[in-house]
Amino acid sequence: MIIDRHTFIDLATHLEGASEGVLEVTKRCVSLCEEGGETAARPDQDCWVALVESLVSVNSELTSIEQTLRALLEANREEEEFARAALRRTGAVDA
């Protein structure tokens, strides 16, 4: 086993929470831009661009973590299949 089920689920749960957090921050930023119309004071354009770039960067990292977790899950499946096949070859388990 490459990663145990409990650890995998724990990591996936944290990934989901982080992803939802990024989405919530993005929604709040959009609502700040829309509030007050044209007359309201808005943060500097450069600040918004930097914020969006930061959110994109965090989202990219979360995507990488998700891909790593998927690879771990697949590696676990392959390892389990290999172990079952080895047991069948030795006759330890009835097919």
C-alpha atoms as a PDB file:
ATOM      1  CA  MET A   1       0.000   0.000   0.000  1.00  0.00           C
ATOM      2  CA  ILE A   2       1.396   3.357  -1.057  1.00  0.00           C
ATOM      3  CA  ILE A   3      -1.023   5.472   0.983  1.00  0.00           C
ATOM      4  CA  ASP A   4      -3.537   4.255   3.509  1.00  0.00           C
ATOM      5  CA  ARG A   5      -7.224   4.987   3.064  1.00  0.00           C
ATOM      6  CA  HIS A   6      -7.502   7.246   6.134  1.00  0.00           C
ATOM      7  CA  THR A   7      -4.591   9.463   5.048  1.00  0.00           C
ATOM      8  CA  PHE A   8      -5.892   9.673   1.488  1.00  0.00           C
ATOM      9  CA  ILE A   9      -9.368  10.705   2.638  1.00  0.00           C
ATOM     10  CA  ASP A  10      -7.862  13.232   5.053  1.00  0.00           C
ATOM     11  CA  LEU A  11      -5.765  14.797   2.289  1.00  0.00           C
ATOM     12  CA  ALA A  12      -8.694  14.832  -0.132  1.00  0.00           C
ATOM     13  CA  THR A  13     -10.906  16.502   2.491  1.00  0.00           C
ATOM     14  CA  HIS A  14      -8.329  19.246   3.070  1.00  0.00           C
ATOM     15  CA  LEU A  15      -7.927  19.717  -0.668  1.00  0.00           C
ATOM     16  CA  GLU A  16     -11.676  20.128  -1.057  1.00  0.00           C
ATOM     17  CA  GLY A  17     -11.779  22.667   1.784  1.00  0.00           C
ATOM     18  CA  ALA A  18      -8.916  24.675   0.308  1.00  0.00           C
ATOM     19  CA  SER A  19     -10.529  24.627  -3.126  1.00  0.00           C
ATOM     20  CA  GLU A  20     -13.843  25.814  -1.702  1.00  0.00           C
ATOM     21  CA  GLY A  21     -11.973  28.565   0.165  1.00  0.00           C
ATOM     22  CA  VAL A  22     -10.404  29.841  -3.055  1.00  0.00           C
ATOM     23  CA  LEU A  23     -13.809  29.838  -4.731  1.00  0.00           C
ATOM     24  CA  GLU A  24     -15.381  31.750  -1.821  1.00  0.00           C
ATOM     25  CA  VAL A  25     -12.622  34.394  -1.840  1.00  0.00           C
ATOM     26  CA  THR A  26     -13.029  34.798  -5.589  1.00  0.00           C
ATOM     27  CA  LYS A  27     -16.792  35.274  -5.249  1.00  0.00           C
ATOM     28  CA  ARG A  28     -16.286  37.887  -2.529  1.00  0.00           C
ATOM     29  CA  CYS A  29     -13.790  39.775  -4.671  1.00  0.00           C
ATOM     30  CA  VAL A  30     -16.255  39.865  -7.527  1.00  0.00           C
ATOM     31  CA  SER A  31     -18.995  41.159  -5.229  1.00  0.00           C
ATOM     32  CA  LEU A  32     -16.664  43.900  -3.953  1.00  0.00           C
ATOM     33  CA  CYS A  33     -16.063  45.020  -7.525  1.00  0.00           C
ATOM     34  CA  GLU A  34     -19.785  45.103  -8.235  1.00  0.00           C
ATOM     35  CA  GLU A  35     -20.872  46.896  -5.026  1.00  0.00           C
ATOM     36  CA  GLY A  36     -21.373  50.632  -5.111  1.00  0.00           C
ATOM     37  CA  GLY A  37     -21.499  51.092  -8.839  1.00  0.00           C
ATOM     38  CA  GLU A  38     -19.271  53.571 -10.640  1.00  0.00           C
ATOM     39  CA  THR A  39     -19.175  56.224  -7.888  1.00  0.00           C
ATOM     40  CA  ALA A  40     -17.767  54.015  -5.135  1.00  0.00           C
ATOM     41  CA  ALA A  41     -14.068  54.100  -4.388  1.00  0.00           C
ATOM     42  CA  ARG A  42     -12.410  50.986  -5.776  1.00  0.00           C
ATOM     43  CA  PRO A  43      -9.048  49.504  -4.941  1.00  0.00           C
ATOM     44  CA  ASP A  44      -6.206  50.217  -7.322  1.00  0.00           C
ATOM     45  CA  GLN A  45      -6.289  48.152 -10.541  1.00  0.00           C
ATOM     46  CA  ASP A  46      -2.822  46.770  -9.778  1.00  0.00           C
ATOM     47  CA  CYS A  47      -4.054  45.425  -6.430  1.00  0.00           C
ATOM     48  CA  TRP A  48      -6.896  43.553  -8.115  1.00  0.00           C
ATOM     49  CA  VAL A  49      -4.607  42.132 -10.767  1.00  0.00           C
ATOM     50  CA  ALA A  50      -2.179  40.946  -8.072  1.00  0.00           C
ATOM     51  CA  LEU A  51      -5.041  39.373  -6.118  1.00  0.00           C
ATOM     52  CA  VAL A  52      -6.366  37.537  -9.168  1.00  0.00           C
ATOM     53  CA  GLU A  53      -2.868  36.330 -10.048  1.00  0.00           C
ATOM     54  CA  SER A  54      -2.449  35.030  -6.485  1.00  0.00           C
ATOM     55  CA  LEU A  55      -5.761  33.185  -6.648  1.00  0.00           C
ATOM     56  CA  VAL A  56      -4.828  31.655  -9.998  1.00  0.00           C
ATOM     57  CA  SER A  57      -1.499  30.549  -8.536  1.00  0.00           C
ATOM     58  CA  VAL A  58      -3.173  28.943  -5.506  1.00  0.00           C
ATOM     59  CA  ASN A  59      -5.702  27.246  -7.771  1.00  0.00           C
ATOM     60  CA  SER A  60      -2.860  25.872  -9.895  1.00  0.00           C
ATOM     61  CA  GLU A  61      -1.196  24.410  -6.797  1.00  0.00           C
ATOM     62  CA  LEU A  62      -4.480  22.836  -5.703  1.00  0.00           C
ATOM     63  CA  THR A  63      -4.849  21.280  -9.146  1.00  0.00           C
ATOM     64  CA  SER A  64      -1.362  19.797  -8.836  1.00  0.00           C
ATOM     65  CA  ILE A  65      -2.224  18.340  -5.438  1.00  0.00           C
ATOM     66  CA  GLU A  66      -5.418  16.853  -6.868  1.00  0.00           C
ATOM     67  CA  GLN A  67      -3.455  15.227  -9.698  1.00  0.00           C
ATOM     68  CA  THR A  68      -0.976  13.817  -7.175  1.00  0.00           C
ATOM     69  CA  LEU A  69      -3.797  12.342  -5.101  1.00  0.00           C
ATOM     70  CA  ARG A  70      -5.316  10.764  -8.208  1.00  0.00           C
ATOM     71  CA  ALA A  71      -1.924   9.264  -9.076  1.00  0.00           C
ATOM     72  CA  LEU A  72      -1.593   7.887  -5.539  1.00  0.00           C
ATOM     73  CA  LEU A  73      -5.036   6.344  -5.760  1.00  0.00           C
ATOM     74  CA  GLU A  74      -4.182   4.713  -9.084  1.00  0.00           C
ATOM     75  CA  ALA A  75      -0.836   3.480  -7.739  1.00  0.00           C
ATOM     76  CA  ASN A  76      -2.630   1.913  -4.775  1.00  0.00           C
ATOM     77  CA  ARG A  77      -5.018   0.132  -7.143  1.00  0.00           C
ATOM     78  CA  GLU A  78      -2.159  -1.159  -9.290  1.00  0.00           C
ATOM     79  CA  GLU A  79      -0.247  -2.367  -6.231  1.00  0.00           C
ATOM     80  CA  GLU A  80      -3.309  -4.179  -4.882  1.00  0.00           C
ATOM     81  CA  GLU A  81      -3.903  -5.864  -8.260  1.00  0.00           C
ATOM     82  CA  PHE A  82      -0.247  -6.908  -8.426  1.00  0.00           C
ATOM     83  CA  ALA A  83      -0.432  -8.381  -4.912  1.00  0.00           C
ATOM     84  CA  ARG A  84      -3.634 -10.295  -5.752  1.00  0.00           C
ATOM     85  CA  ALA A  85      -2.087 -11.650  -8.956  1.00  0.00           C
ATOM     86  CA  ALA A  86       1.010 -12.773  -7.055  1.00  0.00           C
ATOM     87  CA  LEU A  87      -1.145 -14.567  -4.496  1.00  0.00           C
ATOM     88  CA  ARG A  88      -3.102 -16.311  -7.262  1.00  0.00           C
ATOM     89  CA  ARG A  89       0.136 -17.438  -8.943  1.00  0.00           C
ATOM     90  CA  THR A  90       1.390 -18.964  -5.700  1.00  0.00           C
ATOM     91  CA  GLY A  91      -1.947 -20.643  -5.114  1.00  0.00           C
ATOM     92  CA  ALA A  92      -2.444 -18.874  -1.806  1.00  0.00           C
ATOM     93  CA  VAL A  93      -5.828 -17.536  -2.908  1.00  0.00           C
ATOM     94  CA  ASP A  94      -8.471 -19.370  -4.892  1.00  0.00           C
ATOM     95  CA  ALA A  95      -9.272 -17.527  -8.128  1.00  0.00           C
END
